[in-house]
Amino acid sequence: MHLDVNELEPQIACPHNVDNVKPVSEVEGTHIDQVFLGSCTNGRLSDLRTAAKIIKNKNVSKKLEC
């Protein structure tokens, strides 16, 4: 089996169920109050490192619950 994932868009789970998944483009610009990175079985360390690199030296609202 060969899968070309180049056309796949990153997905994001929306409240209040992990099955409520949408392409990032559908929720881009939505105000958020809380962020959770991981899954019900916890995120991989590589995922957490990637996220840390993305937000390094960026401002995160003090109102955001992480």
Protein backbone atom coordinates (compact mmCIF):
# COMPACT_ATOMS: atom_id res chain seq x y z
CA MET A 1 0.00 0.00 0.00
CA HIS A 2 1.32 3.45 -0.91
CA LEU A 3 -0.13 6.55 0.72
CA ASP A 4 0.74 10.06 -0.46
CA VAL A 5 0.31 12.26 2.60
CA ASN A 6 1.61 15.43 0.95
CA GLU A 7 -1.96 16.62 0.40
CA LEU A 8 -3.12 15.95 3.97
CA GLU A 9 -3.80 18.97 6.15
CA PRO A 10 -2.95 18.93 9.86
CA GLN A 11 -5.97 18.09 12.00
CA ILE A 12 -7.08 19.46 15.35
CA ALA A 13 -9.41 17.96 17.95
CA CYS A 14 -12.08 20.43 19.01
CA PRO A 15 -14.19 20.52 22.17
CA HIS A 16 -15.61 18.48 23.73
CA ASN A 17 -14.70 15.18 22.19
CA VAL A 18 -11.49 13.85 20.64
CA ASP A 19 -13.64 12.56 17.77
CA ASN A 20 -14.57 16.17 16.92
CA VAL A 21 -11.66 16.59 14.50
CA LYS A 22 -11.38 19.33 11.88
CA PRO A 23 -8.73 20.53 9.45
CA VAL A 24 -6.73 23.42 10.92
CA SER A 25 -7.95 25.72 8.11
CA GLU A 26 -11.56 25.34 9.38
CA VAL A 27 -10.70 26.66 12.85
CA GLU A 28 -7.90 29.08 12.02
CA GLY A 29 -8.44 32.39 13.79
CA THR A 30 -10.73 30.92 16.45
CA HIS A 31 -10.20 32.43 19.92
CA ILE A 32 -8.89 29.81 22.35
CA ASP A 33 -8.75 29.81 26.15
CA GLN A 34 -7.10 26.47 26.79
CA VAL A 35 -4.54 24.27 25.05
CA PHE A 36 -3.75 20.58 25.50
CA LEU A 37 -0.96 18.93 23.57
CA GLY A 38 -1.01 15.18 23.66
CA SER A 39 -3.63 12.49 23.59
CA CYS A 40 -5.53 10.25 25.95
CA THR A 41 -2.38 8.11 26.09
CA ASN A 42 -0.07 11.15 26.37
CA GLY A 43 1.91 12.78 23.62
CA ARG A 44 5.24 11.56 22.36
CA LEU A 45 8.29 13.42 23.61
CA SER A 46 9.13 14.28 20.00
CA ASP A 47 5.72 16.01 19.67
CA LEU A 48 6.36 18.05 22.80
CA ARG A 49 9.84 19.04 21.55
CA THR A 50 8.40 20.12 18.20
CA ALA A 51 5.76 22.24 19.94
CA ALA A 52 8.41 23.80 22.19
CA LYS A 53 10.47 24.77 19.12
CA ILE A 54 7.41 26.36 17.51
CA ILE A 55 6.53 28.55 20.51
CA LYS A 56 10.10 29.32 21.60
CA ASN A 57 10.63 33.09 21.87
CA LYS A 58 6.95 33.73 21.08
CA ASN A 59 4.45 35.47 23.32
CA VAL A 60 1.70 33.34 24.80
CA SER A 61 -1.23 35.13 26.40
CA LYS A 62 -1.18 35.05 30.19
CA LYS A 63 -4.91 34.33 29.98
CA LEU A 64 -4.28 31.07 28.13
CA GLU A 65 -4.53 27.98 30.30
CA CYS A 66 -1.86 25.48 29.28
